[in-house]
Protein backbone atom coordinates (compact mmCIF):
# COMPACT_ATOMS: atom_id res chain seq x y z
CA UNK A 1 34.65 116.27 -69.72
CA UNK A 2 36.00 118.74 -72.42
CA UNK A 3 36.70 117.69 -75.92
CA UNK A 4 40.03 116.94 -74.92
CA UNK A 5 39.31 115.01 -72.47
CA UNK A 6 36.64 113.06 -74.30
CA UNK A 7 39.07 112.59 -77.43
CA UNK A 8 41.87 111.37 -75.06
CA UNK A 9 39.66 108.34 -73.40
CA UNK A 10 38.30 107.53 -76.48
CA UNK A 11 42.44 107.41 -77.60
CA UNK A 12 42.87 105.11 -74.55
CA UNK A 13 40.14 102.59 -75.03
CA UNK A 14 41.18 102.10 -78.12
CA UNK A 15 44.83 101.73 -77.38
CA UNK A 16 43.75 99.53 -74.27
CA UNK A 17 41.43 97.39 -77.47
CA UNK A 18 44.70 96.77 -79.57
CA UNK A 19 47.21 95.91 -76.68
CA UNK A 20 44.45 93.27 -76.32
CA UNK A 21 44.05 92.02 -79.55
CA UNK A 22 47.97 92.19 -80.22
CA UNK A 23 48.41 89.95 -77.25
CA UNK A 24 45.96 87.74 -78.61
CA UNK A 25 47.22 87.57 -81.72
CA UNK A 26 51.04 86.61 -80.51
CA UNK A 27 49.61 83.96 -78.92
CA UNK A 28 48.13 82.59 -81.62
CA UNK A 29 50.87 82.95 -84.04
CA UNK A 30 52.98 81.41 -80.95
CA UNK A 31 50.82 78.24 -80.94
CA UNK A 32 50.73 77.88 -84.41
CA UNK A 33 54.39 77.90 -84.68
CA UNK A 34 54.56 75.14 -82.23
CA UNK A 35 52.10 73.00 -84.21
CA UNK A 36 54.13 74.05 -87.49
CA UNK A 37 57.21 72.47 -85.67
CA UNK A 38 55.61 69.41 -84.30
CA UNK A 39 54.00 68.73 -88.34
CA UNK A 40 57.25 69.26 -89.73
CA UNK A 41 58.93 66.54 -87.51
CA UNK A 42 56.30 64.58 -88.60
CA UNK A 43 56.62 64.74 -92.06
CA UNK A 44 60.73 64.21 -91.87
CA UNK A 45 59.58 61.31 -89.81
CA UNK A 46 57.21 59.81 -92.64
CA UNK A 47 59.62 60.77 -95.45
CA UNK A 48 62.42 58.84 -93.53
CA UNK A 49 59.66 55.83 -93.32
CA UNK A 50 58.71 55.99 -96.76
CA UNK A 51 62.18 56.41 -97.72
CA UNK A 52 63.11 53.04 -96.18
CA UNK A 53 60.06 50.93 -97.55
CA UNK A 54 60.90 51.99 -100.47
CA UNK A 55 64.56 51.21 -100.41
CA UNK A 56 63.19 47.96 -98.85
CA UNK A 57 60.93 46.72 -102.36
CA UNK A 58 64.15 47.13 -104.22
CA UNK A 59 65.46 44.55 -102.76
CA UNK A 60 62.38 42.38 -103.06
CA UNK A 61 62.64 39.76 -106.14
CA UNK A 62 60.76 40.91 -108.97
CA UNK A 63 58.11 38.79 -109.88
CA UNK A 64 58.36 37.36 -113.77
CA UNK A 65 55.93 35.61 -115.58
CA UNK A 66 55.78 31.86 -115.36
CA UNK A 67 57.50 29.98 -118.00
CA UNK A 68 53.86 28.61 -119.35
CA UNK A 69 52.87 32.00 -120.34
């Protein structure tokens, strides 16, 4: 092989490696985004549930001290 052919082969190998790495990273990012979306939905549901519980607590009668204290 000539020097140019060797350089070209090296560049092609690096390109293939980078392409595979990029596809792997894209897949990872897509999976993480799906998980983030799921977690955000869970946080919204839990926040709403906590708000409902807090509103219910406001409606409970307050515990006052008995008169003999």
